[in-house]
């Protein structure tokens, strides 16, 4: 596999504290995903499926999977 330009969300916290999802667009038009703590395991999907996933995230379709943050913590 050619060298991919892996991207991950930036964070203010120590990046070594946990695993992060890393995403790269391949020269073949496919999307590659891996966890930072297991870079040898790579999941591959199509651009169309990735776009549908992002659309669902933006629409809140996966919000039930996220933890709710207490209001007093969120206001800090």
Protein backbone atom coordinates (compact mmCIF):
# COMPACT_ATOMS: atom_id res chain seq x y z
CA UNK A 1 0.00 0.00 0.00
CA UNK A 2 1.29 3.48 -0.79
CA UNK A 3 2.00 5.95 1.98
CA UNK A 4 -1.27 7.55 3.12
CA UNK A 5 -1.73 10.98 4.70
CA UNK A 6 -3.54 9.98 7.89
CA UNK A 7 -5.70 12.68 9.51
CA UNK A 8 -7.12 12.85 13.01
CA UNK A 9 -9.07 15.43 14.93
CA UNK A 10 -6.90 17.82 16.89
CA UNK A 11 -7.17 17.81 20.65
CA UNK A 12 -5.98 19.97 23.51
CA UNK A 13 -5.29 16.89 25.59
CA UNK A 14 -2.26 14.60 25.46
CA UNK A 15 -2.53 12.72 22.17
CA UNK A 16 -0.99 9.59 23.71
CA UNK A 17 -3.77 9.34 26.31
CA UNK A 18 -6.01 7.12 24.20
CA UNK A 19 -6.88 5.75 20.80
CA UNK A 20 -7.97 8.06 18.01
CA UNK A 21 -9.72 7.35 14.74
CA UNK A 22 -7.45 8.19 11.82
CA UNK A 23 -8.78 8.62 8.29
CA UNK A 24 -6.99 8.84 4.93
CA UNK A 25 -8.17 9.23 1.35
CA UNK A 26 -6.32 6.79 -0.89
CA UNK A 27 -5.11 7.42 -4.42
CA UNK A 28 -7.60 4.74 -5.52
CA UNK A 29 -10.56 6.87 -4.34
CA UNK A 30 -11.25 4.69 -1.32
CA UNK A 31 -11.33 5.84 2.31
CA UNK A 32 -9.04 4.14 4.84
CA UNK A 33 -9.67 4.13 8.60
CA UNK A 34 -7.66 2.85 11.55
CA UNK A 35 -7.23 3.37 15.27
CA UNK A 36 -4.03 5.09 16.32
CA UNK A 37 -3.22 2.34 18.83
CA UNK A 38 -3.59 -0.41 16.18
CA UNK A 39 -2.28 1.10 12.92
CA UNK A 40 -1.85 -2.28 11.21
CA UNK A 41 -5.61 -2.95 11.22
CA UNK A 42 -7.17 -0.85 8.46
CA UNK A 43 -10.82 -0.68 7.40
CA UNK A 44 -11.52 0.37 3.81
CA UNK A 45 -14.73 1.86 2.43
CA UNK A 46 -15.93 3.72 -0.63
CA UNK A 47 -16.19 7.48 -0.93
CA UNK A 48 -19.97 7.18 -1.34
CA UNK A 49 -20.35 5.22 1.91
CA UNK A 50 -18.06 7.66 3.74
CA UNK A 51 -20.09 10.62 2.48
CA UNK A 52 -23.33 8.94 3.64
CA UNK A 53 -21.78 8.32 7.08
CA UNK A 54 -20.68 11.96 7.42
CA UNK A 55 -24.14 13.13 6.37
CA UNK A 56 -25.65 10.94 9.08
CA UNK A 57 -23.26 12.29 11.72
CA UNK A 58 -24.12 15.87 10.78
CA UNK A 59 -27.84 15.04 10.93
CA UNK A 60 -27.48 13.60 14.44
CA UNK A 61 -28.33 10.03 13.46
CA UNK A 62 -25.68 8.62 15.83
CA UNK A 63 -26.23 10.92 18.81
CA UNK A 64 -27.76 8.06 20.81
CA UNK A 65 -24.32 6.42 20.90
CA UNK A 66 -22.64 9.42 22.59
CA UNK A 67 -22.57 10.10 26.30
CA UNK A 68 -24.51 13.09 27.50
CA UNK A 69 -22.39 15.71 29.22
CA UNK A 70 -23.87 17.12 32.41
CA UNK A 71 -24.91 20.77 31.97
CA UNK A 72 -22.73 21.98 34.87
CA UNK A 73 -19.67 20.30 33.32
CA UNK A 74 -20.42 21.67 29.86
CA UNK A 75 -20.67 25.22 31.19
CA UNK A 76 -17.17 25.17 32.74
